[in-house]
Amino acid sequence: MDDTNGRNGAGRTDRTIHREVSAPHAHDELESLREELDRIDGQLLDSVRDRIDVCARIAVVKRRSAIPMMQPRRVGAVHEHARSYAQRHDLSVDFLRNLYDLLIAETCRVEDAIIDAVEPPDELGVRVRAVGGD
């Protein structure tokens, strides 16, 4: 029975009781969603690694051909692609711009390390771990 404050006899609101009854189901649902998110995060991390690996191979070509590391047109094209993607998929343009700023900064670091290395990189086996980093 509710008192005048909308509370049941145990001193809890009906909404609190509803949450306690549905909590086991919500817990299972959250666990399932978190497992899905963990799989997606793994794919995202693998994609970031793969992207940096390709940029490392690009750096080998730039080094071999004496092409400058920084390519402003390419950076602009990558940002434009992210902006367009964000707009088409109802995502934050600022978020994707910031994300790509981080990705580009890291790939520039990797490319610089390869281009400026004293020893020529192994063109077939260049990997991100070969240039280190924190």
Foldseek 3Di string as FASTA:
>chain_A
DADPVQADPVRHHPVVVVCVVCVVVVVVVVVVVVVVVVVVVVVVVVVLQVVLFVLLLVLLVCLVVVNDLDDVVVLVVVLVVLQVVCVVVVHDSVVSNVVSVVSVVVSSLSSCQQNVPPDHDPNVDDGSVVSPDD
